[in-house]
Amino acid sequence: MASEIMNFLPIILPLLVLQLILLVVAIVHLVKNDRLDQTHKLIWALVIVFVNIIGPILYLIFGRKDD
């Protein structure tokens, strides 16, 4: 079992690091974004957190287009 996990570690670890970086960047930008009201911020926060890698990418493409 442990050897199977070790075989997938080189694939999984970079994806986890990418997910964490995207999550942090998107959340920090969302908190600093004054152009969105609280309702939109809440919706974007839920998308960023629960839609994994795609959520932060969607926010960074569509949610911050007014910058």
PDB file of N, CA and C in Angstrom:
ATOM      1  N   MET A   1       0.820  -1.193   0.000  1.00  0.00           N
ATOM      2  CA  MET A   1       0.000   0.000   0.000  1.00  0.00           C
ATOM      3  C   MET A   1       0.868   1.262   0.000  1.00  0.00           C
ATOM      4  N   ALA A   2       1.857   1.300   0.855  1.00  0.00           N
ATOM      5  CA  ALA A   2       2.725   2.474   0.936  1.00  0.00           C
ATOM      6  C   ALA A   2       3.529   2.657  -0.340  1.00  0.00           C
ATOM      7  N   SER A   3       3.932   1.555  -0.964  1.00  0.00           N
ATOM      8  CA  SER A   3       4.703   1.678  -2.199  1.00  0.00           C
ATOM      9  C   SER A   3       3.835   2.221  -3.334  1.00  0.00           C
ATOM     10  N   GLU A   4       2.538   1.901  -3.321  1.00  0.00           N
ATOM     11  CA  GLU A   4       1.635   2.437  -4.321  1.00  0.00           C
ATOM     12  C   GLU A   4       1.488   3.949  -4.175  1.00  0.00           C
ATOM     13  N   ILE A   5       1.410   4.411  -2.946  1.00  0.00           N
ATOM     14  CA  ILE A   5       1.319   5.847  -2.689  1.00  0.00           C
ATOM     15  C   ILE A   5       2.600   6.540  -3.128  1.00  0.00           C
ATOM     16  N   MET A   6       3.728   5.928  -2.845  1.00  0.00           N
ATOM     17  CA  MET A   6       5.011   6.509  -3.237  1.00  0.00           C
ATOM     18  C   MET A   6       5.151   6.587  -4.751  1.00  0.00           C
ATOM     19  N   ASN A   7       4.534   5.670  -5.481  1.00  0.00           N
ATOM     20  CA  ASN A   7       4.592   5.719  -6.935  1.00  0.00           C
ATOM     21  C   ASN A   7       3.821   6.916  -7.488  1.00  0.00           C
ATOM     22  N   PHE A   8       2.732   7.305  -6.827  1.00  0.00           N
ATOM     23  CA  PHE A   8       1.923   8.422  -7.291  1.00  0.00           C
ATOM     24  C   PHE A   8       2.360   9.762  -6.709  1.00  0.00           C
ATOM     25  N   LEU A   9       3.234   9.759  -5.741  1.00  0.00           N
ATOM     26  CA  LEU A   9       3.657  10.990  -5.083  1.00  0.00           C
ATOM     27  C   LEU A   9       4.267  12.015  -6.042  1.00  0.00           C
ATOM     28  N   PRO A  10       5.126  11.622  -6.987  1.00  0.00           N
ATOM     29  CA  PRO A  10       5.665  12.627  -7.918  1.00  0.00           C
ATOM     30  C   PRO A  10       4.588  13.292  -8.782  1.00  0.00           C
ATOM     31  N   ILE A  11       3.464  12.651  -8.960  1.00  0.00           N
ATOM     32  CA  ILE A  11       2.373  13.239  -9.738  1.00  0.00           C
ATOM     33  C   ILE A  11       1.470  14.079  -8.848  1.00  0.00           C
ATOM     34  N   ILE A  12       1.160  13.577  -7.670  1.00  0.00           N
ATOM     35  CA  ILE A  12       0.209  14.238  -6.781  1.00  0.00           C
ATOM     36  C   ILE A  12       0.797  15.473  -6.110  1.00  0.00           C
ATOM     37  N   LEU A  13       2.038  15.424  -5.686  1.00  0.00           N
ATOM     38  CA  LEU A  13       2.645  16.529  -4.942  1.00  0.00           C
ATOM     39  C   LEU A  13       2.652  17.839  -5.726  1.00  0.00           C
ATOM     40  N   PRO A  14       3.089  17.869  -6.988  1.00  0.00           N
ATOM     41  CA  PRO A  14       3.032  19.143  -7.722  1.00  0.00           C
ATOM     42  C   PRO A  14       1.602  19.668  -7.895  1.00  0.00           C
ATOM     43  N   LEU A  15       0.638  18.780  -8.066  1.00  0.00           N
ATOM     44  CA  LEU A  15      -0.752  19.218  -8.187  1.00  0.00           C
ATOM     45  C   LEU A  15      -1.257  19.822  -6.881  1.00  0.00           C
ATOM     46  N   LEU A  16      -0.864  19.237  -5.761  1.00  0.00           N
ATOM     47  CA  LEU A  16      -1.256  19.787  -4.463  1.00  0.00           C
ATOM     48  C   LEU A  16      -0.622  21.150  -4.221  1.00  0.00           C
ATOM     49  N   VAL A  17       0.639  21.295  -4.605  1.00  0.00           N
ATOM     50  CA  VAL A  17       1.328  22.583  -4.453  1.00  0.00           C
ATOM     51  C   VAL A  17       0.669  23.634  -5.352  1.00  0.00           C
ATOM     52  N   LEU A  18       0.355  23.260  -6.593  1.00  0.00           N
ATOM     53  CA  LEU A  18      -0.325  24.171  -7.511  1.00  0.00           C
ATOM     54  C   LEU A  18      -1.684  24.591  -6.956  1.00  0.00           C
ATOM     55  N   GLN A  19      -2.434  23.641  -6.436  1.00  0.00           N
ATOM     56  CA  GLN A  19      -3.744  23.934  -5.846  1.00  0.00           C
ATOM     57  C   GLN A  19      -3.608  24.910  -4.688  1.00  0.00           C
ATOM     58  N   LEU A  20      -2.647  24.690  -3.821  1.00  0.00           N
ATOM     59  CA  LEU A  20      -2.453  25.559  -2.666  1.00  0.00           C
ATOM     60  C   LEU A  20      -2.062  26.975  -3.095  1.00  0.00           C
ATOM     61  N   ILE A  21      -1.164  27.098  -4.055  1.00  0.00           N
ATOM     62  CA  ILE A  21      -0.739  28.417  -4.532  1.00  0.00           C
ATOM     63  C   ILE A  21      -1.908  29.155  -5.166  1.00  0.00           C
ATOM     64  N   LEU A  22      -2.661  28.472  -6.035  1.00  0.00           N
ATOM     65  CA  LEU A  22      -3.820  29.107  -6.665  1.00  0.00           C
ATOM     66  C   LEU A  22      -4.854  29.530  -5.628  1.00  0.00           C
ATOM     67  N   LEU A  23      -5.097  28.681  -4.646  1.00  0.00           N
ATOM     68  CA  LEU A  23      -6.063  28.980  -3.596  1.00  0.00           C
ATOM     69  C   LEU A  23      -5.655  30.226  -2.814  1.00  0.00           C
ATOM     70  N   VAL A  24      -4.409  30.296  -2.403  1.00  0.00           N
ATOM     71  CA  VAL A  24      -3.933  31.430  -1.607  1.00  0.00           C
ATOM     72  C   VAL A  24      -3.971  32.720  -2.422  1.00  0.00           C
ATOM     73  N   VAL A  25      -3.490  32.674  -3.655  1.00  0.00           N
ATOM     74  CA  VAL A  25      -3.472  33.876  -4.500  1.00  0.00           C
ATOM     75  C   VAL A  25      -4.894  34.383  -4.745  1.00  0.00           C
ATOM     76  N   ALA A  26      -5.809  33.481  -5.063  1.00  0.00           N
ATOM     77  CA  ALA A  26      -7.179  33.888  -5.344  1.00  0.00           C
ATOM     78  C   ALA A  26      -7.873  34.441  -4.105  1.00  0.00           C
ATOM     79  N   ILE A  27      -7.703  33.797  -2.960  1.00  0.00           N
ATOM     80  CA  ILE A  27      -8.340  34.281  -1.727  1.00  0.00           C
ATOM     81  C   ILE A  27      -7.772  35.637  -1.312  1.00  0.00           C
ATOM     82  N   VAL A  28      -6.454  35.805  -1.408  1.00  0.00           N
ATOM     83  CA  VAL A  28      -5.848  37.095  -1.049  1.00  0.00           C
ATOM     84  C   VAL A  28      -6.379  38.191  -1.965  1.00  0.00           C
ATOM     85  N   HIS A  29      -6.442  37.904  -3.265  1.00  0.00           N
ATOM     86  CA  HIS A  29      -6.959  38.914  -4.189  1.00  0.00           C
ATOM     87  C   HIS A  29      -8.429  39.206  -3.910  1.00  0.00           C
ATOM     88  N   LEU A  30      -9.201  38.179  -3.614  1.00  0.00           N
ATOM     89  CA  LEU A  30     -10.618  38.365  -3.320  1.00  0.00           C
ATOM     90  C   LEU A  30     -10.822  39.249  -2.095  1.00  0.00           C
ATOM     91  N   VAL A  31     -10.045  39.037  -1.062  1.00  0.00           N
ATOM     92  CA  VAL A  31     -10.174  39.833   0.165  1.00  0.00           C
ATOM     93  C   VAL A  31      -9.811  41.296  -0.102  1.00  0.00           C
ATOM     94  N   LYS A  32      -8.808  41.526  -0.940  1.00  0.00           N
ATOM     95  CA  LYS A  32      -8.374  42.897  -1.228  1.00  0.00           C
ATOM     96  C   LYS A  32      -9.239  43.596  -2.274  1.00  0.00           C
ATOM     97  N   ASN A  33     -10.079  42.858  -2.989  1.00  0.00           N
ATOM     98  CA  ASN A  33     -10.887  43.417  -4.065  1.00  0.00           C
ATOM     99  C   ASN A  33     -12.047  44.223  -3.482  1.00  0.00           C
ATOM    100  N   ASP A  34     -11.995  45.548  -3.645  1.00  0.00           N
ATOM    101  CA  ASP A  34     -13.030  46.427  -3.116  1.00  0.00           C
ATOM    102  C   ASP A  34     -14.191  46.614  -4.086  1.00  0.00           C
ATOM    103  N   ARG A  35     -14.072  46.134  -5.295  1.00  0.00           N
ATOM    104  CA  ARG A  35     -15.106  46.338  -6.309  1.00  0.00           C
ATOM    105  C   ARG A  35     -16.275  45.355  -6.173  1.00  0.00           C
ATOM    106  N   LEU A  36     -16.090  44.298  -5.387  1.00  0.00           N
ATOM    107  CA  LEU A  36     -17.152  43.315  -5.201  1.00  0.00           C
ATOM    108  C   LEU A  36     -17.858  43.551  -3.874  1.00  0.00           C
ATOM    109  N   ASP A  37     -19.176  43.366  -3.860  1.00  0.00           N
ATOM    110  CA  ASP A  37     -19.893  43.466  -2.594  1.00  0.00           C
ATOM    111  C   ASP A  37     -19.744  42.151  -1.827  1.00  0.00           C
ATOM    112  N   GLN A  38     -20.239  42.117  -0.608  1.00  0.00           N
ATOM    113  CA  GLN A  38     -20.041  40.960   0.263  1.00  0.00           C
ATOM    114  C   GLN A  38     -20.696  39.695  -0.282  1.00  0.00           C
ATOM    115  N   THR A  39     -21.840  39.842  -0.938  1.00  0.00           N
ATOM    116  CA  THR A  39     -22.518  38.670  -1.495  1.00  0.00           C
ATOM    117  C   THR A  39     -21.673  38.018  -2.583  1.00  0.00           C
ATOM    118  N   HIS A  40     -21.149  38.838  -3.488  1.00  0.00           N
ATOM    119  CA  HIS A  40     -20.314  38.299  -4.557  1.00  0.00           C
ATOM    120  C   HIS A  40     -19.009  37.718  -4.005  1.00  0.00           C
ATOM    121  N   LYS A  41     -18.462  38.349  -2.988  1.00  0.00           N
ATOM    122  CA  LYS A  41     -17.249  37.814  -2.370  1.00  0.00           C
ATOM    123  C   LYS A  41     -17.510  36.441  -1.752  1.00  0.00           C
ATOM    124  N   LEU A  42     -18.646  36.293  -1.106  1.00  0.00           N
ATOM    125  CA  LEU A  42     -18.994  35.009  -0.501  1.00  0.00           C
ATOM    126  C   LEU A  42     -19.151  33.930  -1.574  1.00  0.00           C
ATOM    127  N   ILE A  43     -19.844  34.268  -2.646  1.00  0.00           N
ATOM    128  CA  ILE A  43     -20.025  33.304  -3.737  1.00  0.00           C
ATOM    129  C   ILE A  43     -18.681  32.916  -4.340  1.00  0.00           C
ATOM    130  N   TRP A  44     -17.833  33.900  -4.627  1.00  0.00           N
ATOM    131  CA  TRP A  44     -16.521  33.594  -5.191  1.00  0.00           C
ATOM    132  C   TRP A  44     -15.667  32.792  -4.210  1.00  0.00           C
ATOM    133  N   ALA A  45     -15.755  33.088  -2.926  1.00  0.00           N
ATOM    134  CA  ALA A  45     -14.986  32.330  -1.939  1.00  0.00           C
ATOM    135  C   ALA A  45     -15.407  30.865  -1.938  1.00  0.00           C
ATOM    136  N   LEU A  46     -16.701  30.613  -2.026  1.00  0.00           N
ATOM    137  CA  LEU A  46     -17.177  29.225  -2.086  1.00  0.00           C
ATOM    138  C   LEU A  46     -16.696  28.526  -3.353  1.00  0.00           C
ATOM    139  N   VAL A  47     -16.726  29.230  -4.478  1.00  0.00           N
ATOM    140  CA  VAL A  47     -16.234  28.649  -5.735  1.00  0.00           C
ATOM    141  C   VAL A  47     -14.743  28.355  -5.627  1.00  0.00           C
ATOM    142  N   ILE A  48     -13.982  29.294  -5.101  1.00  0.00           N
ATOM    143  CA  ILE A  48     -12.529  29.120  -4.993  1.00  0.00           C
ATOM    144  C   ILE A  48     -12.189  27.931  -4.105  1.00  0.00           C
ATOM    145  N   VAL A  49     -12.860  27.805  -2.982  1.00  0.00           N
ATOM    146  CA  VAL A  49     -12.515  26.762  -2.018  1.00  0.00           C
ATOM    147  C   VAL A  49     -13.028  25.385  -2.435  1.00  0.00           C
ATOM    148  N   PHE A  50     -14.238  25.320  -2.966  1.00  0.00           N
ATOM    149  CA  PHE A  50     -14.845  24.010  -3.189  1.00  0.00           C
ATOM    150  C   PHE A  50     -14.728  23.459  -4.612  1.00  0.00           C
ATOM    151  N   VAL A  51     -14.258  24.240  -5.551  1.00  0.00           N
ATOM    152  CA  VAL A  51     -14.153  23.744  -6.920  1.00  0.00           C
ATOM    153  C   VAL A  51     -12.698  23.412  -7.261  1.00  0.00           C
ATOM    154  N   ASN A  52     -11.894  23.230  -6.248  1.00  0.00           N
ATOM    155  CA  ASN A  52     -10.496  22.806  -6.368  1.00  0.00           C
ATOM    156  C   ASN A  52      -9.704  23.653  -7.359  1.00  0.00           C
ATOM    157  N   ILE A  53      -8.958  23.071  -8.252  1.00  0.00           N
ATOM    158  CA  ILE A  53      -8.049  23.830  -9.120  1.00  0.00           C
ATOM    159  C   ILE A  53      -8.818  24.759 -10.051  1.00  0.00           C
ATOM    160  N   ILE A  54      -9.962  24.363 -10.527  1.00  0.00           N
ATOM    161  CA  ILE A  54     -10.721  25.160 -11.493  1.00  0.00           C
ATOM    162  C   ILE A  54     -11.312  26.422 -10.852  1.00  0.00           C
ATOM    163  N   GLY A  55     -11.735  26.362  -9.609  1.00  0.00           N
ATOM    164  CA  GLY A  55     -12.340  27.511  -8.930  1.00  0.00           C
ATOM    165  C   GLY A  55     -11.433  28.733  -8.871  1.00  0.00           C
ATOM    166  N   PRO A  56     -10.209  28.594  -8.361  1.00  0.00           N
ATOM    167  CA  PRO A  56      -9.314  29.755  -8.350  1.00  0.00           C
ATOM    168  C   PRO A  56      -9.004  30.277  -9.751  1.00  0.00           C
ATOM    169  N   ILE A  57      -8.873  29.376 -10.717  1.00  0.00           N
ATOM    170  CA  ILE A  57      -8.599  29.807 -12.088  1.00  0.00           C
ATOM    171  C   ILE A  57      -9.786  30.599 -12.631  1.00  0.00           C
ATOM    172  N   LEU A  58     -11.011  30.116 -12.381  1.00  0.00           N
ATOM    173  CA  LEU A  58     -12.197  30.854 -12.818  1.00  0.00           C
ATOM    174  C   LEU A  58     -12.246  32.242 -12.188  1.00  0.00           C
ATOM    175  N   TYR A  59     -11.938  32.324 -10.899  1.00  0.00           N
ATOM    176  CA  TYR A  59     -11.948  33.640 -10.251  1.00  0.00           C
ATOM    177  C   TYR A  59     -10.887  34.551 -10.856  1.00  0.00           C
ATOM    178  N   LEU A  60      -9.678  34.029 -11.043  1.00  0.00           N
ATOM    179  CA  LEU A  60      -8.602  34.871 -11.555  1.00  0.00           C
ATOM    180  C   LEU A  60      -8.867  35.318 -12.993  1.00  0.00           C
ATOM    181  N   ILE A  61      -9.643  34.550 -13.746  1.00  0.00           N
ATOM    182  CA  ILE A  61      -9.973  34.956 -15.118  1.00  0.00           C
ATOM    183  C   ILE A  61     -11.194  35.887 -15.134  1.00  0.00           C
ATOM    184  N   PHE A  62     -12.282  35.487 -14.483  1.00  0.00           N
ATOM    185  CA  PHE A  62     -13.530  36.232 -14.593  1.00  0.00           C
ATOM    186  C   PHE A  62     -13.825  37.160 -13.419  1.00  0.00           C
ATOM    187  N   GLY A  63     -13.422  36.800 -12.226  1.00  0.00           N
ATOM    188  CA  GLY A  63     -13.770  37.583 -11.047  1.00  0.00           C
ATOM    189  C   GLY A  63     -12.983  38.856 -10.881  1.00  0.00           C
ATOM    190  N   ARG A  64     -11.834  38.935 -11.452  1.00  0.00           N
ATOM    191  CA  ARG A  64     -11.009  40.127 -11.285  1.00  0.00           C
ATOM    192  C   ARG A  64     -10.829  40.902 -12.587  1.00  0.00           C
ATOM    193  N   LYS A  65     -11.735  40.726 -13.520  1.00  0.00           N
ATOM    194  CA  LYS A  65     -11.589  41.361 -14.824  1.00  0.00           C
ATOM    195  C   LYS A  65     -11.659  42.881 -14.776  1.00  0.00           C
ATOM    196  N   ASP A  66     -12.160  43.460 -13.686  1.00  0.00           N
ATOM    197  CA  ASP A  66     -12.259  44.912 -13.583  1.00  0.00           C
ATOM    198  C   ASP A  66     -10.996  45.573 -13.050  1.00  0.00           C
ATOM    199  N   ASP A  67      -9.970  44.803 -12.750  1.00  0.00           N
ATOM    200  CA  ASP A  67      -8.716  45.393 -12.222  1.00  0.00           C
ATOM    201  C   ASP A  67      -8.009  46.230 -13.255  1.00  0.00           C
TER     202      ASP A  67
END
